[in-house]
Structure formats: C-alpha cells, structure tokens
N, C-alpha and C. Protein backbone atom coordinates (compact mmCIF):
# COMPACT_ATOMS: atom_id res chain seq x y z
N MET A 1 2.44 38.04 14.62
CA MET A 1 1.53 36.86 13.89
C MET A 1 1.16 35.94 15.00
N GLU A 2 0.05 35.20 14.65
CA GLU A 2 -0.75 34.35 15.51
C GLU A 2 0.12 32.84 15.44
N LYS A 3 0.27 32.41 16.64
CA LYS A 3 0.94 31.14 16.73
C LYS A 3 0.32 30.06 15.55
N ASN A 4 -0.96 29.91 15.67
CA ASN A 4 -1.37 29.04 14.50
C ASN A 4 -1.22 29.38 13.16
N THR A 5 -1.13 30.51 12.88
CA THR A 5 -0.95 31.25 11.59
C THR A 5 0.63 30.49 11.21
N ILE A 6 1.34 30.95 11.97
CA ILE A 6 2.89 30.40 11.81
C ILE A 6 2.89 28.84 11.80
N ILE A 7 2.37 28.02 12.52
CA ILE A 7 2.34 26.71 12.32
C ILE A 7 1.84 26.26 11.00
N LYS A 8 0.73 27.01 10.58
CA LYS A 8 -0.04 26.59 9.23
C LYS A 8 0.94 26.97 8.10
N TYR A 9 1.75 28.09 8.14
CA TYR A 9 2.62 28.30 7.16
C TYR A 9 3.79 27.37 6.95
N LYS A 10 4.22 27.08 8.24
CA LYS A 10 5.49 26.07 8.27
C LYS A 10 4.83 24.54 7.64
N VAL A 11 3.73 24.10 8.08
CA VAL A 11 3.09 23.12 7.55
C VAL A 11 2.98 22.98 6.02
N HIS A 12 2.52 24.44 5.62
CA HIS A 12 2.31 24.50 4.07
C HIS A 12 3.63 24.48 3.40
N LEU A 13 4.77 25.15 3.95
CA LEU A 13 6.10 25.26 3.35
C LEU A 13 6.69 23.76 3.37
N LEU A 14 6.73 23.08 4.48
CA LEU A 14 7.25 21.80 4.42
C LEU A 14 6.70 20.93 3.59
N ALA A 15 5.25 21.03 3.31
CA ALA A 15 4.56 20.13 2.57
C ALA A 15 4.89 20.35 0.90
N ILE A 16 5.17 21.66 0.73
CA ILE A 16 5.57 22.18 -0.54
C ILE A 16 7.01 21.64 -0.92
N LEU A 17 7.73 21.96 0.15
CA LEU A 17 9.45 21.62 -0.09
C LEU A 17 9.31 20.04 -0.43
N LEU A 18 8.68 19.35 0.41
CA LEU A 18 8.76 17.71 0.30
C LEU A 18 8.18 17.23 -1.02
N SER A 19 7.11 18.06 -1.43
CA SER A 19 6.56 17.66 -2.94
C SER A 19 7.39 17.99 -3.94
N GLY A 20 8.20 18.99 -3.78
CA GLY A 20 9.02 19.60 -4.90
C GLY A 20 10.17 18.54 -4.79
N PHE A 21 10.66 18.17 -3.77
CA PHE A 21 11.66 17.25 -3.65
C PHE A 21 11.36 15.91 -4.27
N PHE A 22 10.28 15.41 -4.03
CA PHE A 22 9.64 14.18 -4.62
C PHE A 22 9.50 14.49 -6.29
N LEU A 23 8.90 15.52 -6.65
CA LEU A 23 8.70 15.77 -7.88
C LEU A 23 9.98 15.97 -8.69
N PHE A 24 11.26 16.35 -8.04
CA PHE A 24 12.40 16.31 -8.63
C PHE A 24 13.06 14.87 -8.88
N ILE A 25 12.81 14.22 -7.76
CA ILE A 25 13.44 12.65 -7.75
C ILE A 25 12.65 12.04 -8.98
N ASP A 26 11.32 12.02 -8.95
CA ASP A 26 10.54 11.46 -10.04
C ASP A 26 11.11 11.97 -11.32
N GLN A 27 11.23 13.02 -11.65
CA GLN A 27 11.78 13.31 -12.90
C GLN A 27 13.37 12.87 -13.34
N VAL A 28 14.15 12.90 -12.22
CA VAL A 28 15.36 12.26 -12.42
C VAL A 28 15.22 10.84 -12.77
N LEU A 29 14.39 10.04 -11.99
CA LEU A 29 14.25 8.57 -12.32
C LEU A 29 13.59 8.44 -13.60
N LYS A 30 12.78 9.15 -14.02
CA LYS A 30 12.06 9.20 -15.37
C LYS A 30 13.17 9.38 -16.28
N TYR A 31 14.16 10.41 -16.15
CA TYR A 31 15.08 10.64 -17.19
C TYR A 31 16.10 9.26 -17.20
N PHE A 32 16.38 8.91 -16.06
CA PHE A 32 17.11 7.55 -16.07
C PHE A 32 16.46 6.47 -16.92
N ALA A 33 15.32 6.33 -16.69
CA ALA A 33 14.41 5.26 -17.32
C ALA A 33 14.41 5.43 -18.94
N ARG A 34 14.24 6.77 -19.26
CA ARG A 34 14.34 7.05 -20.84
C ARG A 34 15.64 6.66 -21.22
N MET A 35 16.68 6.93 -20.54
CA MET A 35 18.03 6.78 -21.26
C MET A 35 18.50 5.42 -21.18
N ASN A 36 17.68 4.50 -20.42
CA ASN A 36 18.10 3.21 -20.40
C ASN A 36 16.71 2.27 -20.32
N THR A 37 16.16 2.44 -21.50
CA THR A 37 14.88 1.59 -21.63
C THR A 37 15.00 0.11 -21.62
N ASP A 38 16.29 -0.44 -21.89
CA ASP A 38 16.43 -1.94 -21.79
C ASP A 38 16.67 -2.39 -20.51
N PHE A 39 17.02 -1.55 -19.54
CA PHE A 39 17.49 -1.94 -18.09
C PHE A 39 16.13 -2.33 -17.54
N VAL A 40 16.30 -3.60 -16.96
CA VAL A 40 15.39 -4.37 -16.16
C VAL A 40 16.07 -4.88 -14.93
N TYR A 41 15.49 -4.86 -13.75
CA TYR A 41 16.14 -5.15 -12.78
C TYR A 41 14.83 -5.50 -11.65
N TYR A 42 14.80 -6.79 -11.09
CA TYR A 42 13.87 -7.31 -10.11
C TYR A 42 14.55 -7.52 -8.77
N ILE A 43 13.93 -6.94 -7.83
CA ILE A 43 14.01 -7.41 -6.42
C ILE A 43 13.56 -8.75 -6.05
N TRP A 44 12.30 -8.83 -6.51
CA TRP A 44 11.64 -10.12 -6.41
C TRP A 44 10.65 -10.30 -7.69
N ARG A 45 11.29 -11.07 -8.41
CA ARG A 45 10.81 -11.33 -9.75
C ARG A 45 9.47 -12.22 -9.68
N PRO A 46 8.36 -11.89 -10.47
CA PRO A 46 8.17 -10.64 -11.35
C PRO A 46 7.33 -9.64 -10.67
N TRP A 47 7.39 -9.48 -9.45
CA TRP A 47 6.43 -8.57 -8.69
C TRP A 47 6.98 -7.35 -8.16
N LEU A 48 8.41 -7.34 -7.92
CA LEU A 48 8.71 -5.86 -7.56
C LEU A 48 10.27 -5.59 -8.36
N GLY A 49 10.32 -4.45 -9.01
CA GLY A 49 11.54 -4.25 -9.66
C GLY A 49 11.36 -2.91 -10.62
N TRP A 50 12.63 -2.78 -11.27
CA TRP A 50 12.56 -1.68 -12.15
C TRP A 50 12.41 -2.15 -13.82
N GLU A 51 11.42 -1.45 -14.25
CA GLU A 51 11.06 -1.76 -15.72
C GLU A 51 10.54 -0.73 -16.59
N TYR A 52 11.08 -0.27 -17.70
CA TYR A 52 10.61 0.86 -18.41
C TYR A 52 9.29 0.57 -19.16
N PHE A 53 8.35 1.66 -18.86
CA PHE A 53 7.17 1.37 -19.58
C PHE A 53 6.50 2.68 -20.05
N GLU A 54 6.05 2.92 -21.23
CA GLU A 54 5.24 4.16 -21.62
C GLU A 54 3.99 4.00 -21.49
N ASN A 55 3.31 4.70 -20.63
CA ASN A 55 1.86 4.58 -20.29
C ASN A 55 1.19 5.59 -21.15
N ASN A 56 0.24 5.13 -22.00
CA ASN A 56 -0.36 6.00 -22.88
C ASN A 56 -1.75 6.44 -22.38
N GLY A 57 -2.20 5.78 -21.34
CA GLY A 57 -3.60 5.81 -20.58
C GLY A 57 -3.31 6.78 -19.43
N ILE A 58 -4.45 6.63 -18.51
CA ILE A 58 -4.38 7.24 -17.26
C ILE A 58 -4.15 6.14 -16.25
N ALA A 59 -4.58 6.25 -15.11
CA ALA A 59 -4.20 5.28 -13.92
C ALA A 59 -4.59 3.91 -14.35
N PHE A 60 -3.58 3.03 -14.06
CA PHE A 60 -3.71 1.51 -14.31
C PHE A 60 -3.92 1.42 -15.93
N SER A 61 -3.37 2.41 -16.86
CA SER A 61 -3.40 2.20 -18.07
C SER A 61 -4.56 2.38 -18.82
N ILE A 62 -5.55 2.76 -18.17
CA ILE A 62 -6.94 3.02 -18.91
C ILE A 62 -6.76 4.02 -20.03
N PRO A 63 -7.22 3.73 -21.20
CA PRO A 63 -7.16 4.53 -22.36
C PRO A 63 -7.81 5.68 -22.20
N PHE A 64 -7.10 6.84 -22.63
CA PHE A 64 -7.57 8.14 -22.44
C PHE A 64 -6.93 9.19 -23.34
N SER A 65 -7.59 10.15 -23.92
CA SER A 65 -7.08 11.10 -24.84
C SER A 65 -5.92 11.90 -24.29
N ASN A 66 -4.77 12.01 -24.76
CA ASN A 66 -3.78 12.50 -24.26
C ASN A 66 -3.94 14.10 -24.19
N THR A 67 -4.69 14.69 -25.34
CA THR A 67 -4.93 16.05 -25.39
C THR A 67 -5.92 16.55 -24.23
N LEU A 68 -6.82 15.61 -24.01
CA LEU A 68 -7.87 15.76 -22.87
C LEU A 68 -7.14 15.88 -21.55
N ILE A 69 -6.09 15.01 -21.45
CA ILE A 69 -5.55 14.86 -20.20
C ILE A 69 -4.66 16.16 -19.92
N ILE A 70 -4.03 16.57 -21.16
CA ILE A 70 -3.23 17.89 -20.97
C ILE A 70 -4.02 19.13 -20.75
N ILE A 71 -5.31 19.14 -21.14
CA ILE A 71 -6.33 20.20 -21.01
C ILE A 71 -6.75 20.31 -19.57
N LEU A 72 -7.20 18.89 -19.16
CA LEU A 72 -8.00 18.88 -17.86
C LEU A 72 -6.98 18.89 -16.64
N THR A 73 -5.74 18.37 -16.76
CA THR A 73 -4.84 18.41 -15.56
C THR A 73 -4.53 19.68 -15.02
N PRO A 74 -4.19 20.69 -15.87
CA PRO A 74 -3.85 21.98 -15.19
C PRO A 74 -5.34 22.58 -14.52
N ILE A 75 -6.42 22.26 -15.04
CA ILE A 75 -7.76 22.86 -14.46
C ILE A 75 -7.80 22.12 -13.08
N ILE A 76 -7.72 20.74 -12.98
CA ILE A 76 -7.70 20.01 -11.82
C ILE A 76 -6.72 20.50 -10.77
N ILE A 77 -5.51 20.92 -11.25
CA ILE A 77 -4.55 21.42 -10.37
C ILE A 77 -4.91 22.72 -9.83
N LEU A 78 -5.28 23.62 -10.78
CA LEU A 78 -5.63 24.81 -10.04
C LEU A 78 -6.91 24.73 -9.27
N ALA A 79 -8.10 24.01 -9.47
CA ALA A 79 -8.96 23.72 -8.55
C ALA A 79 -8.57 23.24 -7.06
N LEU A 80 -7.61 22.10 -6.90
CA LEU A 80 -7.25 21.65 -5.83
C LEU A 80 -6.48 22.88 -5.05
N PHE A 81 -5.74 23.76 -5.84
CA PHE A 81 -4.96 24.79 -5.26
C PHE A 81 -5.94 25.84 -4.68
N ILE A 82 -7.00 26.06 -5.33
CA ILE A 82 -8.13 27.00 -4.78
C ILE A 82 -8.57 26.51 -3.54
N ILE A 83 -9.11 25.13 -3.62
CA ILE A 83 -9.56 24.52 -2.43
C ILE A 83 -8.57 24.57 -1.14
N LEU A 84 -7.32 24.36 -1.74
CA LEU A 84 -6.40 24.42 -0.47
C LEU A 84 -6.17 25.61 0.16
N THR A 85 -6.20 26.75 -0.70
CA THR A 85 -6.06 28.16 -0.19
C THR A 85 -7.29 28.58 0.49
N LYS A 86 -8.37 28.21 0.21
CA LYS A 86 -9.79 28.73 0.89
C LYS A 86 -10.14 28.09 2.00
N GLN A 87 -9.33 26.91 2.50
CA GLN A 87 -9.53 26.63 3.88
C GLN A 87 -9.08 27.37 4.90
N LYS A 88 -9.87 27.59 5.96
CA LYS A 88 -9.58 28.37 6.97
C LYS A 88 -8.57 27.77 8.04
N ASN A 89 -8.73 26.46 8.13
CA ASN A 89 -7.93 25.87 9.17
C ASN A 89 -7.51 24.39 8.88
N PRO A 90 -6.91 24.32 7.73
CA PRO A 90 -6.74 22.77 7.01
C PRO A 90 -5.89 21.89 8.10
N SER A 91 -6.15 20.69 8.12
CA SER A 91 -5.35 19.76 8.96
C SER A 91 -4.14 19.55 8.08
N LYS A 92 -2.98 19.15 8.89
CA LYS A 92 -1.74 18.75 8.12
C LYS A 92 -1.97 17.75 7.10
N TYR A 93 -2.89 16.65 7.21
CA TYR A 93 -3.25 15.70 6.31
C TYR A 93 -3.70 16.18 5.03
N PHE A 94 -4.82 17.16 5.48
CA PHE A 94 -5.47 17.89 4.27
C PHE A 94 -4.35 18.49 3.35
N VAL A 95 -3.52 19.30 3.83
CA VAL A 95 -2.63 20.11 3.23
C VAL A 95 -1.55 19.29 2.46
N LEU A 96 -1.01 18.36 3.10
CA LEU A 96 -0.10 17.44 2.64
C LEU A 96 -0.64 16.66 1.40
N GLY A 97 -1.90 16.14 1.57
CA GLY A 97 -2.65 15.27 0.74
C GLY A 97 -2.89 16.12 -0.56
N ILE A 98 -3.38 17.36 -0.71
CA ILE A 98 -3.67 18.08 -1.62
C ILE A 98 -2.13 18.24 -2.49
N ILE A 99 -1.41 18.85 -1.64
CA ILE A 99 0.00 18.92 -2.30
C ILE A 99 0.67 17.88 -3.03
N LEU A 100 0.62 16.81 -2.47
CA LEU A 100 0.95 15.52 -2.84
C LEU A 100 0.36 15.17 -4.28
N ILE A 101 -1.02 15.43 -4.27
CA ILE A 101 -1.46 15.05 -5.40
C ILE A 101 -1.37 16.08 -6.64
N ILE A 102 -1.12 17.32 -6.14
CA ILE A 102 -0.64 18.34 -7.29
C ILE A 102 0.64 18.06 -7.79
N ALA A 103 1.72 17.67 -6.90
CA ALA A 103 3.08 17.35 -7.28
C ALA A 103 3.06 16.29 -8.22
N GLY A 104 2.33 15.18 -7.88
CA GLY A 104 2.28 14.06 -8.85
C GLY A 104 1.56 14.44 -10.14
N ALA A 105 0.55 15.18 -10.01
CA ALA A 105 -0.03 15.63 -11.38
C ALA A 105 0.84 16.42 -12.22
N ILE A 106 1.69 17.40 -11.62
CA ILE A 106 2.39 18.06 -12.39
C ILE A 106 3.53 17.36 -13.07
N SER A 107 4.31 16.38 -12.11
CA SER A 107 5.28 15.67 -12.84
C SER A 107 4.80 14.69 -13.87
N ASN A 108 3.69 14.12 -13.94
CA ASN A 108 3.19 13.18 -15.06
C ASN A 108 2.58 14.12 -16.20
N LEU A 109 2.17 15.43 -15.74
CA LEU A 109 1.80 16.42 -16.91
C LEU A 109 2.94 16.82 -17.74
N VAL A 110 4.30 16.99 -17.06
CA VAL A 110 5.30 17.29 -17.83
C VAL A 110 5.69 16.14 -18.86
N ASP A 111 5.50 14.79 -18.17
CA ASP A 111 5.78 13.74 -19.37
C ASP A 111 4.76 13.89 -20.51
N ARG A 112 3.57 14.07 -20.21
CA ARG A 112 2.66 14.23 -21.25
C ARG A 112 2.92 15.30 -22.26
N ILE A 113 3.45 16.45 -21.74
CA ILE A 113 3.68 17.53 -22.66
C ILE A 113 4.82 17.33 -23.50
N LEU A 114 6.00 16.67 -22.92
CA LEU A 114 7.13 16.27 -23.66
C LEU A 114 7.27 15.15 -24.24
N PHE A 115 6.53 14.27 -23.81
CA PHE A 115 6.72 12.81 -24.49
C PHE A 115 5.25 12.15 -25.07
N THR A 116 4.28 13.01 -24.84
CA THR A 116 2.79 12.47 -25.23
C THR A 116 2.61 11.08 -24.42
N THR A 117 3.36 10.75 -23.39
CA THR A 117 3.14 9.51 -22.81
C THR A 117 3.61 9.78 -21.26
N THR A 118 3.15 8.95 -20.23
CA THR A 118 3.65 9.10 -18.98
C THR A 118 4.81 8.04 -18.81
N ILE A 119 6.00 8.33 -18.42
CA ILE A 119 6.99 7.24 -18.25
C ILE A 119 7.02 6.58 -16.94
N ASP A 120 6.72 5.28 -16.96
CA ASP A 120 6.46 4.44 -15.62
C ASP A 120 7.94 3.55 -15.53
N TYR A 121 8.17 3.13 -14.29
CA TYR A 121 9.49 2.47 -14.36
C TYR A 121 9.43 1.52 -13.14
N LEU A 122 8.55 1.50 -12.16
CA LEU A 122 8.43 0.66 -10.89
C LEU A 122 7.60 -0.45 -11.14
N ARG A 123 8.07 -1.47 -11.08
CA ARG A 123 7.10 -2.91 -11.21
C ARG A 123 6.56 -2.97 -9.78
N LEU A 124 5.22 -3.04 -9.73
CA LEU A 124 4.63 -3.47 -8.48
C LEU A 124 3.77 -4.33 -8.76
N LEU A 125 3.71 -5.53 -8.35
CA LEU A 125 2.82 -6.65 -8.51
C LEU A 125 2.51 -6.74 -10.13
N THR A 126 1.26 -6.33 -10.40
CA THR A 126 0.90 -6.56 -11.95
C THR A 126 0.90 -5.07 -12.76
N TRP A 127 1.32 -3.99 -11.88
CA TRP A 127 1.48 -2.75 -12.47
C TRP A 127 2.94 -2.22 -12.59
N ILE A 128 3.00 -1.24 -13.62
CA ILE A 128 4.24 -0.37 -13.77
C ILE A 128 3.80 0.93 -13.47
N ILE A 129 4.32 1.73 -12.34
CA ILE A 129 3.94 3.04 -11.80
C ILE A 129 5.31 3.84 -11.81
N ASN A 130 5.06 4.98 -11.43
CA ASN A 130 6.20 5.89 -11.19
C ASN A 130 5.85 6.52 -9.87
N LEU A 131 6.95 7.32 -9.30
CA LEU A 131 6.93 7.92 -8.05
C LEU A 131 5.74 8.97 -7.99
N ALA A 132 5.45 9.82 -9.09
CA ALA A 132 4.12 10.43 -9.32
C ALA A 132 2.80 9.84 -9.06
N ASP A 133 2.86 8.73 -9.68
CA ASP A 133 1.51 7.98 -9.20
C ASP A 133 1.49 7.61 -7.84
N ILE A 134 2.54 7.21 -7.05
CA ILE A 134 2.58 6.96 -5.64
C ILE A 134 2.14 8.24 -4.88
N LEU A 135 2.85 9.57 -5.22
CA LEU A 135 2.47 10.62 -4.71
C LEU A 135 0.91 11.03 -4.74
N ILE A 136 0.52 10.72 -5.83
CA ILE A 136 -1.18 11.06 -6.24
C ILE A 136 -1.91 10.00 -5.45
N LEU A 137 -1.52 8.76 -5.13
CA LEU A 137 -2.33 7.47 -4.39
C LEU A 137 -2.29 7.93 -3.01
N THR A 138 -1.00 8.40 -2.57
CA THR A 138 -0.93 8.80 -1.12
C THR A 138 -1.58 9.99 -0.75
N GLY A 139 -1.71 10.94 -1.57
CA GLY A 139 -2.35 12.11 -1.61
C GLY A 139 -3.86 11.83 -1.08
N VAL A 140 -4.40 11.18 -2.24
CA VAL A 140 -5.88 10.68 -2.10
C VAL A 140 -6.07 9.91 -0.69
N GLY A 141 -5.23 9.03 -0.46
CA GLY A 141 -5.11 8.13 0.71
C GLY A 141 -5.20 9.31 2.16
N LEU A 142 -4.47 10.21 2.01
CA LEU A 142 -4.50 11.12 3.12
C LEU A 142 -5.80 11.89 3.02
N LEU A 143 -6.37 12.28 2.03
CA LEU A 143 -7.65 13.03 2.08
C LEU A 143 -8.80 12.15 2.42
N VAL A 144 -8.61 10.81 2.15
CA VAL A 144 -9.56 9.84 2.72
C VAL A 144 -9.54 9.55 4.14
N PHE A 145 -8.29 9.44 4.57
CA PHE A 145 -8.18 9.28 6.00
C PHE A 145 -8.47 10.78 6.91
N GLU A 146 -8.36 11.81 6.39
CA GLU A 146 -8.59 13.15 6.85
C GLU A 146 -10.28 13.08 7.01
N GLU A 147 -10.96 12.59 5.99
CA GLU A 147 -12.52 12.74 5.93
C GLU A 147 -12.96 11.71 7.17
N PHE A 148 -12.47 10.44 7.06
CA PHE A 148 -12.76 9.55 8.20
C PHE A 148 -12.51 10.20 9.63
N ARG A 149 -11.26 10.92 9.73
CA ARG A 149 -10.93 11.45 11.09
C ARG A 149 -12.11 12.79 11.35
N GLN A 150 -12.34 13.45 10.46
CA GLN A 150 -13.22 14.44 10.71
C GLN A 150 -14.61 13.92 11.08
N LYS A 151 -15.10 12.73 10.48
CA LYS A 151 -16.31 12.36 10.77
C LYS A 151 -16.36 11.62 12.14
N LYS A 152 -15.53 10.97 12.30
CA LYS A 152 -15.30 10.35 13.63
C LYS A 152 -15.18 11.64 14.73
N ARG A 153 -14.70 12.47 14.64
CA ARG A 153 -14.65 13.80 15.65
C ARG A 153 -15.89 14.45 15.63
N LYS A 154 -16.81 14.37 14.51
CA LYS A 154 -18.08 14.97 14.59
C LYS A 154 -18.93 14.05 15.48
N LYS A 155 -18.81 12.78 15.33
CA LYS A 155 -19.65 11.77 15.78
C LYS A 155 -19.38 11.93 17.57
N ILE A 156 -18.11 12.12 17.81
CA ILE A 156 -17.68 12.29 19.19
C ILE A 156 -18.42 13.32 20.00
N LEU A 157 -18.42 14.64 19.24
CA LEU A 157 -18.93 15.76 19.76
C LEU A 157 -20.46 15.97 19.60
C-alpha cells in the first residue's frame, strides 16, 4: 500500500474517532442537561456558563420546521459523506471539517428525533449552544480555512 494512502486512512480514522468521541460527550452532556433542567452555573455571569435550553429552531434559534430538519439533515449528511469519499487527495483540514460537521449534525439530529427539539446547555455571550453546534461551526471554519489556503496556493503557483 502506498505511503500517502496509509496516511490518508490514518487521518480519516483519527478524524472519525475524534468526532465519535465528541458526539458521545455531547450526548452525555445533553443527558445531564435533560436530567437537571433547573441547574444553572455561571463561570462569568451572564456571559459564560451552563444553562438548559430547548432550541426548537435551527442555528441561533431561527424558527424552522422540525419535520423538515429531520428530512433534510440525513440528506445533507449523505451528501457531505459522498463529497468526502469522492475527493482524490483531501487535506487533513478538509477531512476533519467534513467529519466534524457530520458528527455535530448527527448529534443534533438524535435530539430532534427523540425530543423534537435540540438540547442546548452552554451559555456563550447571548446564545445557548451545545457541543454539536461547536463541532459544526468548527467544521465550517476548517472548510473556509482550507478554501483560503487552496486559493493562496494557486496564486503562488
């Protein structure tokens, strides 16, 4: 097996394991939040802390049909997976970005299916979010970073 292929598989495996770990941690934290809905703790009041919130919308609580989210999310996850597997030589940033988005989307989808809402618990400034949201935002950030990196590389060549 080629050295580049082995490295590619190791990067994929590491990204999947890391994402699975974060997905598990997010579900554990959501379980704790659901079992302790009255628990509120601030590290820096009122900007950073723990606070239970049921988010019926999408990002930033924008209203959106739960049924539509449950239908569209698996389609988006499948599309991202296909995009990932069709790449001939994806960068580690691209792989990790896609897999983090998929992991976050799966975790929030589990909430939507089980509870018809997303369980949020982390107060951050004026929002209440969860680890899945952070995974999705980090994944998008990595994809944007990779896009700029590729454009810069093309300019140099």
